[in-house]
């Protein structure tokens, strides 16, 4: 079966966790009623985006992997016969917390956990206070309806993540997100850049991309939504605006092979030239430094 229906849920989170969970469950059922076979929720789906400020009490929002919330979601996946991606705040013990996503197969089995690797820190995105960088690497899950990989929010901006997941066989890249206003740059909207950067991963790797975002005002932040699904050439197949909603989009996994026969990016990679990517800082060569100094001295004469 090469045709798969992908579902995304974009909602506004209120202050009460139980209400958010119930609302999400209803949206999952609505999405499935429209044919969705793989459903992805937004980052940290059950609560408002708490990392916009630093508060030790927010650690209490974390859950163990065998928590009641995840158990409920696993049962729901089984009941509906769907693959369900559930992002959550994971408590891993000994004061260690992760920003994670659990993947449930259509029989309700948890196939594994992906932990967010890239942790941002900036005004109202104080994630380094709450999350440890992930240690699960970049797993690919062979589900009932296809092979999927996950990058959580900030991960979605890094092309290395998409490339690694695609090389490992992922056919659909899912990016649960929480992104919106930039408080230190109120005039700036990253929405267009966000969509372009993520959908471009589909072009570079010949895969489908599905990114889901939260929406609406939460305390001092406004989340712009914009959830979308794009194809192997980066074309947007379906998207949402800045309101609550769902997406259900049928895709054909055969397009992956067809695209890769035309755009041979995997064939033409030069891994022997990529060692600079493993350096955290690119230091200039001494000769370059000397030339730069000499040029500056001459300019000042």
C-alpha atoms as a PDB file:
ATOM      1  CA  UNK A   1       0.000   0.000   0.000  1.00  0.00           C
ATOM      2  CA  UNK A   2       1.655   3.212  -1.158  1.00  0.00           C
ATOM      3  CA  UNK A   3      -1.216   5.628  -0.462  1.00  0.00           C
ATOM      4  CA  UNK A   4      -1.265   6.951   3.093  1.00  0.00           C
ATOM      5  CA  UNK A   5      -3.484   9.596   4.696  1.00  0.00           C
ATOM      6  CA  UNK A   6      -1.593  11.898   7.048  1.00  0.00           C
ATOM      7  CA  UNK A   7      -3.377  13.942   9.702  1.00  0.00           C
ATOM      8  CA  UNK A   8      -2.189  17.013  11.624  1.00  0.00           C
ATOM      9  CA  UNK A   9      -3.918  18.713  14.540  1.00  0.00           C
ATOM     10  CA  UNK A  10      -3.471  22.423  15.261  1.00  0.00           C
ATOM     11  CA  UNK A  11      -5.170  23.733  18.403  1.00  0.00           C
ATOM     12  CA  UNK A  12      -5.021  26.550  20.911  1.00  0.00           C
ATOM     13  CA  UNK A  13      -4.020  25.307  24.369  1.00  0.00           C
ATOM     14  CA  UNK A  14      -5.817  26.662  27.407  1.00  0.00           C
ATOM     15  CA  UNK A  15      -4.634  26.810  31.011  1.00  0.00           C
ATOM     16  CA  UNK A  16      -6.126  23.456  32.032  1.00  0.00           C
ATOM     17  CA  UNK A  17      -4.286  20.311  31.002  1.00  0.00           C
ATOM     18  CA  UNK A  18      -7.224  17.930  31.233  1.00  0.00           C
ATOM     19  CA  UNK A  19      -9.278  20.164  28.947  1.00  0.00           C
ATOM     20  CA  UNK A  20      -6.432  20.291  26.424  1.00  0.00           C
ATOM     21  CA  UNK A  21      -6.112  16.509  26.453  1.00  0.00           C
ATOM     22  CA  UNK A  22      -9.839  15.994  25.998  1.00  0.00           C
ATOM     23  CA  UNK A  23      -9.968  18.557  23.210  1.00  0.00           C
ATOM     24  CA  UNK A  24      -7.047  16.850  21.467  1.00  0.00           C
ATOM     25  CA  UNK A  25      -8.672  13.425  21.722  1.00  0.00           C
ATOM     26  CA  UNK A  26     -11.811  14.787  20.091  1.00  0.00           C
ATOM     27  CA  UNK A  27      -9.726  16.305  17.294  1.00  0.00           C
ATOM     28  CA  UNK A  28      -7.912  12.985  16.807  1.00  0.00           C
ATOM     29  CA  UNK A  29     -11.240  11.243  16.315  1.00  0.00           C
ATOM     30  CA  UNK A  30     -12.375  13.963  13.909  1.00  0.00           C
ATOM     31  CA  UNK A  31      -9.161  13.547  11.929  1.00  0.00           C
ATOM     32  CA  UNK A  32      -9.580   9.771  11.788  1.00  0.00           C
ATOM     33  CA  UNK A  33     -13.203  10.133  10.698  1.00  0.00           C
ATOM     34  CA  UNK A  34     -11.806  11.954   7.668  1.00  0.00           C
ATOM     35  CA  UNK A  35      -9.547   9.017   6.891  1.00  0.00           C
ATOM     36  CA  UNK A  36      -6.260   9.837   8.626  1.00  0.00           C
ATOM     37  CA  UNK A  37      -3.988   6.842   9.274  1.00  0.00           C
ATOM     38  CA  UNK A  38      -1.000   8.650  10.822  1.00  0.00           C
ATOM     39  CA  UNK A  39      -1.780  11.530  13.168  1.00  0.00           C
ATOM     40  CA  UNK A  40       0.708  13.964  14.695  1.00  0.00           C
ATOM     41  CA  UNK A  41       0.045  16.311  17.616  1.00  0.00           C
ATOM     42  CA  UNK A  42       1.819  19.604  18.301  1.00  0.00           C
ATOM     43  CA  UNK A  43       4.879  19.947  20.525  1.00  0.00           C
ATOM     44  CA  UNK A  44       4.114  19.636  24.287  1.00  0.00           C
ATOM     45  CA  UNK A  45       0.487  19.179  23.290  1.00  0.00           C
ATOM     46  CA  UNK A  46      -1.176  18.936  26.699  1.00  0.00           C
ATOM     47  CA  UNK A  47      -0.171  22.302  28.178  1.00  0.00           C
ATOM     48  CA  UNK A  48       0.501  25.869  27.237  1.00  0.00           C
ATOM     49  CA  UNK A  49       4.056  26.617  26.161  1.00  0.00           C
ATOM     50  CA  UNK A  50       5.607  26.968  29.615  1.00  0.00           C
ATOM     51  CA  UNK A  51       9.251  27.635  28.514  1.00  0.00           C
ATOM     52  CA  UNK A  52       8.348  31.239  27.740  1.00  0.00           C
ATOM     53  CA  UNK A  53       9.368  31.958  31.344  1.00  0.00           C
ATOM     54  CA  UNK A  54      11.539  30.370  34.029  1.00  0.00           C
ATOM     55  CA  UNK A  55       9.623  28.856  36.923  1.00  0.00           C
ATOM     56  CA  UNK A  56      10.728  25.856  38.964  1.00  0.00           C
ATOM     57  CA  UNK A  57       7.089  24.817  39.435  1.00  0.00           C
ATOM     58  CA  UNK A  58       6.867  23.957  35.737  1.00  0.00           C
ATOM     59  CA  UNK A  59       9.021  20.887  36.318  1.00  0.00           C
ATOM     60  CA  UNK A  60       5.889  19.392  37.867  1.00  0.00           C
ATOM     61  CA  UNK A  61       4.347  19.261  34.385  1.00  0.00           C
ATOM     62  CA  UNK A  62       6.746  16.480  33.344  1.00  0.00           C
ATOM     63  CA  UNK A  63       5.486  12.898  33.004  1.00  0.00           C
ATOM     64  CA  UNK A  64       7.073   9.459  33.045  1.00  0.00           C
ATOM     65  CA  UNK A  65       6.907   7.420  29.850  1.00  0.00           C
ATOM     66  CA  UNK A  66       4.376   5.126  31.540  1.00  0.00           C
ATOM     67  CA  UNK A  67       2.150   8.041  32.588  1.00  0.00           C
ATOM     68  CA  UNK A  68      -1.614   7.972  32.396  1.00  0.00           C
ATOM     69  CA  UNK A  69      -1.643  10.457  29.511  1.00  0.00           C
ATOM     70  CA  UNK A  70       0.541   8.303  27.287  1.00  0.00           C
ATOM     71  CA  UNK A  71      -1.380   5.187  28.271  1.00  0.00           C
ATOM     72  CA  UNK A  72      -4.598   6.918  27.184  1.00  0.00           C
ATOM     73  CA  UNK A  73      -3.062   7.864  23.864  1.00  0.00           C
ATOM     74  CA  UNK A  74      -1.803   4.351  23.271  1.00  0.00           C
ATOM     75  CA  UNK A  75      -5.260   2.958  23.913  1.00  0.00           C
ATOM     76  CA  UNK A  76      -6.763   5.534  21.573  1.00  0.00           C
ATOM     77  CA  UNK A  77      -4.313   4.613  18.815  1.00  0.00           C
ATOM     78  CA  UNK A  78      -5.313   0.965  19.226  1.00  0.00           C
ATOM     79  CA  UNK A  79      -9.026   1.741  19.317  1.00  0.00           C
ATOM     80  CA  UNK A  80      -8.835   3.831  16.134  1.00  0.00           C
ATOM     81  CA  UNK A  81      -6.241   1.681  14.364  1.00  0.00           C
ATOM     82  CA  UNK A  82      -3.901   4.600  13.687  1.00  0.00           C
ATOM     83  CA  UNK A  83      -0.271   5.552  14.136  1.00  0.00           C
ATOM     84  CA  UNK A  84      -0.180   8.368  16.696  1.00  0.00           C
ATOM     85  CA  UNK A  85       2.728  10.724  17.440  1.00  0.00           C
ATOM     86  CA  UNK A  86       2.414  12.197  20.938  1.00  0.00           C
ATOM     87  CA  UNK A  87       4.874  14.937  21.977  1.00  0.00           C
ATOM     88  CA  UNK A  88       5.219  15.315  25.756  1.00  0.00           C
ATOM     89  CA  UNK A  89       7.394  16.672  28.573  1.00  0.00           C
ATOM     90  CA  UNK A  90       9.344  13.632  29.764  1.00  0.00           C
ATOM     91  CA  UNK A  91      10.645  13.106  33.265  1.00  0.00           C
ATOM     92  CA  UNK A  92      13.525  10.631  33.021  1.00  0.00           C
ATOM     93  CA  UNK A  93      14.546  10.568  36.684  1.00  0.00           C
ATOM     94  CA  UNK A  94      17.392  12.090  38.721  1.00  0.00           C
ATOM     95  CA  UNK A  95      16.434  15.613  37.737  1.00  0.00           C
ATOM     96  CA  UNK A  96      16.659  14.872  34.014  1.00  0.00           C
ATOM     97  CA  UNK A  97      13.909  16.110  31.709  1.00  0.00           C
ATOM     98  CA  UNK A  98      13.472  15.808  27.944  1.00  0.00           C
ATOM     99  CA  UNK A  99      11.247  17.316  25.273  1.00  0.00           C
ATOM    100  CA  UNK A 100      10.057  14.074  23.711  1.00  0.00           C
ATOM    101  CA  UNK A 101       7.624  12.402  21.334  1.00  0.00           C
ATOM    102  CA  UNK A 102       6.210   8.895  21.733  1.00  0.00           C
ATOM    103  CA  UNK A 103       5.180   6.886  18.669  1.00  0.00           C
ATOM    104  CA  UNK A 104       2.273   4.467  18.965  1.00  0.00           C
ATOM    105  CA  UNK A 105       1.557   1.967  16.213  1.00  0.00           C
ATOM    106  CA  UNK A 106      -1.919   0.975  15.067  1.00  0.00           C
ATOM    107  CA  UNK A 107      -2.073  -1.826  17.646  1.00  0.00           C
ATOM    108  CA  UNK A 108      -1.351   0.589  20.495  1.00  0.00           C
ATOM    109  CA  UNK A 109       2.246  -0.550  20.967  1.00  0.00           C
ATOM    110  CA  UNK A 110       4.743   2.183  21.770  1.00  0.00           C
ATOM    111  CA  UNK A 111       7.459   1.816  19.120  1.00  0.00           C
ATOM    112  CA  UNK A 112       9.802   4.187  20.901  1.00  0.00           C
ATOM    113  CA  UNK A 113      10.624   7.700  22.051  1.00  0.00           C
ATOM    114  CA  UNK A 114      12.372  10.481  20.131  1.00  0.00           C
ATOM    115  CA  UNK A 115      13.991  13.137  22.319  1.00  0.00           C
ATOM    116  CA  UNK A 116      14.573  16.657  21.004  1.00  0.00           C
ATOM    117  CA  UNK A 117      18.233  17.085  20.127  1.00  0.00           C
ATOM    118  CA  UNK A 118      18.595  20.811  19.506  1.00  0.00           C
ATOM    119  CA  UNK A 119      17.534  22.908  22.483  1.00  0.00           C
ATOM    120  CA  UNK A 120      17.038  26.642  21.868  1.00  0.00           C
ATOM    121  CA  UNK A 121      17.409  29.450  24.350  1.00  0.00           C
ATOM    122  CA  UNK A 122      16.300  33.037  23.906  1.00  0.00           C
ATOM    123  CA  UNK A 123      13.660  35.534  24.998  1.00  0.00           C
ATOM    124  CA  UNK A 124      10.525  33.521  25.874  1.00  0.00           C
ATOM    125  CA  UNK A 125      12.095  30.323  24.517  1.00  0.00           C
ATOM    126  CA  UNK A 126      13.921  29.291  27.710  1.00  0.00           C
ATOM    127  CA  UNK A 127      14.150  25.617  26.835  1.00  0.00           C
ATOM    128  CA  UNK A 128      17.650  24.999  28.196  1.00  0.00           C
ATOM    129  CA  UNK A 129      16.215  25.538  31.686  1.00  0.00           C
ATOM    130  CA  UNK A 130      13.705  22.734  31.177  1.00  0.00           C
ATOM    131  CA  UNK A 131      15.193  20.210  28.747  1.00  0.00           C
ATOM    132  CA  UNK A 132      18.378  18.199  28.424  1.00  0.00           C
ATOM    133  CA  UNK A 133      19.563  17.637  24.815  1.00  0.00           C
ATOM    134  CA  UNK A 134      18.213  14.347  23.513  1.00  0.00           C
ATOM    135  CA  UNK A 135      20.164  11.090  23.698  1.00  0.00           C
ATOM    136  CA  UNK A 136      18.046   8.883  21.426  1.00  0.00           C
ATOM    137  CA  UNK A 137      19.733   9.983  18.217  1.00  0.00           C
ATOM    138  CA  UNK A 138      17.486  10.034  15.153  1.00  0.00           C
ATOM    139  CA  UNK A 139      15.377   6.872  15.180  1.00  0.00           C
ATOM    140  CA  UNK A 140      13.183   5.846  12.248  1.00  0.00           C
ATOM    141  CA  UNK A 141       9.993   3.953  13.049  1.00  0.00           C
ATOM    142  CA  UNK A 142       8.616   1.259  10.765  1.00  0.00           C
ATOM    143  CA  UNK A 143       4.901   1.685  11.378  1.00  0.00           C
ATOM    144  CA  UNK A 144       1.869  -0.019   9.920  1.00  0.00           C
ATOM    145  CA  UNK A 145       1.479   2.790   7.393  1.00  0.00           C
ATOM    146  CA  UNK A 146       5.060   3.685   6.514  1.00  0.00           C
ATOM    147  CA  UNK A 147       8.501   4.578   7.807  1.00  0.00           C
ATOM    148  CA  UNK A 148       8.557   7.840   9.724  1.00  0.00           C
ATOM    149  CA  UNK A 149      11.107  10.056  11.416  1.00  0.00           C
ATOM    150  CA  UNK A 150      10.609  12.889  13.895  1.00  0.00           C
ATOM    151  CA  UNK A 151      12.360  16.162  14.598  1.00  0.00           C
ATOM    152  CA  UNK A 152      10.914  18.276  17.379  1.00  0.00           C
ATOM    153  CA  UNK A 153      10.550  22.030  16.712  1.00  0.00           C
ATOM    154  CA  UNK A 154      14.079  23.547  16.744  1.00  0.00           C
ATOM    155  CA  UNK A 155      15.315  20.284  15.201  1.00  0.00           C
ATOM    156  CA  UNK A 156      13.294  21.116  12.092  1.00  0.00           C
ATOM    157  CA  UNK A 157      15.579  23.996  11.126  1.00  0.00           C
ATOM    158  CA  UNK A 158      18.672  21.788  10.872  1.00  0.00           C
ATOM    159  CA  UNK A 159      19.138  20.070   7.491  1.00  0.00           C
ATOM    160  CA  UNK A 160      21.377  17.451   9.100  1.00  0.00           C
ATOM    161  CA  UNK A 161      18.400  16.019  10.996  1.00  0.00           C
ATOM    162  CA  UNK A 162      16.325  15.568   7.848  1.00  0.00           C
ATOM    163  CA  UNK A 163      19.252  14.048   5.963  1.00  0.00           C
ATOM    164  CA  UNK A 164      20.050  11.502   8.688  1.00  0.00           C
ATOM    165  CA  UNK A 165      16.419  10.431   9.031  1.00  0.00           C
ATOM    166  CA  UNK A 166      16.036  10.132   5.251  1.00  0.00           C
ATOM    167  CA  UNK A 167      19.232   8.112   4.854  1.00  0.00           C
ATOM    168  CA  UNK A 168      17.877   5.712   7.440  1.00  0.00           C
ATOM    169  CA  UNK A 169      14.762   5.137   5.354  1.00  0.00           C
ATOM    170  CA  UNK A 170      12.204   7.622   6.664  1.00  0.00           C
ATOM    171  CA  UNK A 171       9.505   8.318   4.082  1.00  0.00           C
ATOM    172  CA  UNK A 172       7.652  11.025   6.018  1.00  0.00           C
ATOM    173  CA  UNK A 173       9.339  13.529   8.314  1.00  0.00           C
ATOM    174  CA  UNK A 174       7.117  14.804  11.122  1.00  0.00           C
ATOM    175  CA  UNK A 175       7.909  18.053  12.908  1.00  0.00           C
ATOM    176  CA  UNK A 176       5.715  18.799  15.951  1.00  0.00           C
ATOM    177  CA  UNK A 177       6.309  22.465  16.777  1.00  0.00           C
ATOM    178  CA  UNK A 178       5.602  25.423  19.054  1.00  0.00           C
ATOM    179  CA  UNK A 179       6.731  28.560  17.265  1.00  0.00           C
ATOM    180  CA  UNK A 180       5.350  32.058  17.093  1.00  0.00           C
ATOM    181  CA  UNK A 181       6.160  35.621  18.004  1.00  0.00           C
ATOM    182  CA  UNK A 182       9.707  36.803  18.632  1.00  0.00           C
ATOM    183  CA  UNK A 183       9.427  39.087  21.689  1.00  0.00           C
ATOM    184  CA  UNK A 184      12.736  40.849  21.057  1.00  0.00           C
ATOM    185  CA  UNK A 185      11.736  41.450  17.424  1.00  0.00           C
ATOM    186  CA  UNK A 186       7.964  42.156  17.541  1.00  0.00           C
ATOM    187  CA  UNK A 187       7.957  43.359  13.926  1.00  0.00           C
ATOM    188  CA  UNK A 188       9.273  39.999  12.681  1.00  0.00           C
ATOM    189  CA  UNK A 189       7.271  36.965  11.582  1.00  0.00           C
ATOM    190  CA  UNK A 190       9.225  33.795  10.867  1.00  0.00           C
ATOM    191  CA  UNK A 191       6.221  31.961   9.476  1.00  0.00           C
ATOM    192  CA  UNK A 192       7.200  32.142   5.810  1.00  0.00           C
ATOM    193  CA  UNK A 193      10.818  31.234   6.581  1.00  0.00           C
ATOM    194  CA  UNK A 194       9.616  28.381   8.788  1.00  0.00           C
ATOM    195  CA  UNK A 195       7.525  26.880   5.997  1.00  0.00           C
ATOM    196  CA  UNK A 196      10.218  27.341   3.355  1.00  0.00           C
ATOM    197  CA  UNK A 197      13.050  25.916   5.453  1.00  0.00           C
ATOM    198  CA  UNK A 198      11.146  22.800   6.477  1.00  0.00           C
ATOM    199  CA  UNK A 199       9.515  22.038   3.130  1.00  0.00           C
ATOM    200  CA  UNK A 200      12.959  22.376   1.529  1.00  0.00           C
ATOM    201  CA  UNK A 201      14.013  19.247   3.444  1.00  0.00           C
ATOM    202  CA  UNK A 202      11.542  17.377   1.252  1.00  0.00           C
ATOM    203  CA  UNK A 203      13.346  18.574  -1.869  1.00  0.00           C
ATOM    204  CA  UNK A 204      16.850  17.805  -0.590  1.00  0.00           C
ATOM    205  CA  UNK A 205      15.910  14.300   0.495  1.00  0.00           C
ATOM    206  CA  UNK A 206      12.982  13.318  -1.697  1.00  0.00           C
ATOM    207  CA  UNK A 207      10.589  12.792   1.220  1.00  0.00           C
ATOM    208  CA  UNK A 208       7.237  14.037   2.461  1.00  0.00           C
ATOM    209  CA  UNK A 209       7.181  16.569   5.280  1.00  0.00           C
ATOM    210  CA  UNK A 210       4.436  17.187   7.844  1.00  0.00           C
ATOM    211  CA  UNK A 211       4.842  20.063  10.313  1.00  0.00           C
ATOM    212  CA  UNK A 212       2.242  20.898  12.933  1.00  0.00           C
ATOM    213  CA  UNK A 213       2.219  23.981  15.132  1.00  0.00           C
ATOM    214  CA  UNK A 214       0.107  25.331  17.966  1.00  0.00           C
ATOM    215  CA  UNK A 215      -1.919  28.499  17.463  1.00  0.00           C
ATOM    216  CA  UNK A 216      -3.231  31.501  19.372  1.00  0.00           C
ATOM    217  CA  UNK A 217      -2.274  33.681  22.320  1.00  0.00           C
ATOM    218  CA  UNK A 218      -0.676  32.074  25.364  1.00  0.00           C
ATOM    219  CA  UNK A 219       0.298  34.648  27.985  1.00  0.00           C
ATOM    220  CA  UNK A 220       2.847  36.917  26.226  1.00  0.00           C
ATOM    221  CA  UNK A 221       3.286  34.824  23.099  1.00  0.00           C
ATOM    222  CA  UNK A 222       1.230  34.399  19.981  1.00  0.00           C
ATOM    223  CA  UNK A 223       1.660  31.190  17.984  1.00  0.00           C
ATOM    224  CA  UNK A 224       1.005  31.555  14.263  1.00  0.00           C
ATOM    225  CA  UNK A 225      -0.121  28.063  13.344  1.00  0.00           C
ATOM    226  CA  UNK A 226       0.577  27.456   9.673  1.00  0.00           C
ATOM    227  CA  UNK A 227       0.703  23.657   9.929  1.00  0.00           C
ATOM    228  CA  UNK A 228       1.324  22.051   6.546  1.00  0.00           C
ATOM    229  CA  UNK A 229       2.132  18.929   4.548  1.00  0.00           C
ATOM    230  CA  UNK A 230       4.516  19.127   1.581  1.00  0.00           C
ATOM    231  CA  UNK A 231       5.545  16.654  -1.086  1.00  0.00           C
ATOM    232  CA  UNK A 232       8.892  15.351  -2.324  1.00  0.00           C
ATOM    233  CA  UNK A 233       9.428  18.479  -4.421  1.00  0.00           C
ATOM    234  CA  UNK A 234       8.593  20.866  -1.596  1.00  0.00           C
ATOM    235  CA  UNK A 235       5.125  21.740  -2.890  1.00  0.00           C
ATOM    236  CA  UNK A 236       2.616  22.557  -0.149  1.00  0.00           C
ATOM    237  CA  UNK A 237      -0.212  20.045  -0.464  1.00  0.00           C
ATOM    238  CA  UNK A 238      -2.321  21.321   2.423  1.00  0.00           C
ATOM    239  CA  UNK A 239      -1.955  23.971   5.105  1.00  0.00           C
ATOM    240  CA  UNK A 240      -3.740  25.852   7.857  1.00  0.00           C
ATOM    241  CA  UNK A 241      -3.766  29.543   8.699  1.00  0.00           C
ATOM    242  CA  UNK A 242      -3.775  31.107  12.160  1.00  0.00           C
ATOM    243  CA  UNK A 243      -6.884  29.338  13.404  1.00  0.00           C
ATOM    244  CA  UNK A 244      -7.557  25.963  14.982  1.00  0.00           C
ATOM    245  CA  UNK A 245      -8.079  23.125  12.567  1.00  0.00           C
ATOM    246  CA  UNK A 246      -7.028  19.774  11.183  1.00  0.00           C
ATOM    247  CA  UNK A 247      -5.362  18.579   7.996  1.00  0.00           C
ATOM    248  CA  UNK A 248      -5.954  15.232   6.330  1.00  0.00           C
ATOM    249  CA  UNK A 249      -3.909  14.714   3.190  1.00  0.00           C
ATOM    250  CA  UNK A 250      -3.415  11.583   1.105  1.00  0.00           C
ATOM    251  CA  UNK A 251       0.113  11.042  -0.162  1.00  0.00           C
ATOM    252  CA  UNK A 252       1.625   8.415  -2.422  1.00  0.00           C
ATOM    253  CA  UNK A 253       4.906   7.015  -1.140  1.00  0.00           C
ATOM    254  CA  UNK A 254       5.818   5.912  -4.665  1.00  0.00           C
ATOM    255  CA  UNK A 255       6.616   9.556  -5.392  1.00  0.00           C
ATOM    256  CA  UNK A 256       9.745   9.205  -3.271  1.00  0.00           C
ATOM    257  CA  UNK A 257      11.422   6.793  -5.678  1.00  0.00           C
ATOM    258  CA  UNK A 258      10.228   8.768  -8.699  1.00  0.00           C
ATOM    259  CA  UNK A 259      11.655  12.016  -7.336  1.00  0.00           C
ATOM    260  CA  UNK A 260      14.994  10.456  -6.431  1.00  0.00           C
ATOM    261  CA  UNK A 261      15.389   9.155  -9.980  1.00  0.00           C
ATOM    262  CA  UNK A 262      15.254  12.761 -11.172  1.00  0.00           C
ATOM    263  CA  UNK A 263      17.051  14.627  -8.368  1.00  0.00           C
ATOM    264  CA  UNK A 264      20.013  12.386  -7.530  1.00  0.00           C
ATOM    265  CA  UNK A 265      21.100  14.113  -4.345  1.00  0.00           C
ATOM    266  CA  UNK A 266      21.876  10.880  -2.509  1.00  0.00           C
ATOM    267  CA  UNK A 267      23.936   9.503  -5.384  1.00  0.00           C
ATOM    268  CA  UNK A 268      26.049  12.635  -5.738  1.00  0.00           C
ATOM    269  CA  UNK A 269      26.866  13.258  -2.088  1.00  0.00           C
ATOM    270  CA  UNK A 270      30.562  13.773  -1.344  1.00  0.00           C
ATOM    271  CA  UNK A 271      30.869  12.439   2.191  1.00  0.00           C
ATOM    272  CA  UNK A 272      34.666  12.531   1.866  1.00  0.00           C
ATOM    273  CA  UNK A 273      34.483  16.347   1.792  1.00  0.00           C
ATOM    274  CA  UNK A 274      32.095  16.865   4.695  1.00  0.00           C
ATOM    275  CA  UNK A 275      34.486  16.643   7.657  1.00  0.00           C
ATOM    276  CA  UNK A 276      34.146  20.405   8.388  1.00  0.00           C
ATOM    277  CA  UNK A 277      30.567  19.692   9.429  1.00  0.00           C
ATOM    278  CA  UNK A 278      31.925  17.871  12.480  1.00  0.00           C
ATOM    279  CA  UNK A 279      33.667  21.002  13.757  1.00  0.00           C
ATOM    280  CA  UNK A 280      31.824  23.307  16.136  1.00  0.00           C
ATOM    281  CA  UNK A 281      33.976  26.273  15.141  1.00  0.00           C
ATOM    282  CA  UNK A 282      35.711  26.984  11.861  1.00  0.00           C
ATOM    283  CA  UNK A 283      39.061  28.614  12.675  1.00  0.00           C
ATOM    284  CA  UNK A 284      40.700  30.672   9.913  1.00  0.00           C
ATOM    285  CA  UNK A 285      44.012  29.412   8.582  1.00  0.00           C
ATOM    286  CA  UNK A 286      47.066  31.379   9.777  1.00  0.00           C
ATOM    287  CA  UNK A 287      47.836  32.572   6.238  1.00  0.00           C
ATOM    288  CA  UNK A 288      44.299  33.969   5.968  1.00  0.00           C
ATOM    289  CA  UNK A 289      44.684  35.831   9.263  1.00  0.00           C
ATOM    290  CA  UNK A 290      48.010  37.360   8.183  1.00  0.00           C
ATOM    291  CA  UNK A 291      46.589  38.491   4.858  1.00  0.00           C
ATOM    292  CA  UNK A 292      43.613  40.020   6.630  1.00  0.00           C
ATOM    293  CA  UNK A 293      45.823  41.927   9.053  1.00  0.00           C
ATOM    294  CA  UNK A 294      48.095  43.132   6.264  1.00  0.00           C
ATOM    295  CA  UNK A 295      45.124  44.324   4.246  1.00  0.00           C
ATOM    296  CA  UNK A 296      43.749  46.230   7.225  1.00  0.00           C
ATOM    297  CA  UNK A 297      47.103  47.896   7.921  1.00  0.00           C
ATOM    298  CA  UNK A 298      47.438  49.010   4.307  1.00  0.00           C
ATOM    299  CA  UNK A 299      43.913  50.399   4.342  1.00  0.00           C
ATOM    300  CA  UNK A 300      44.721  52.549   7.374  1.00  0.00           C
ATOM    301  CA  UNK A 301      47.796  54.172   5.820  1.00  0.00           C
END
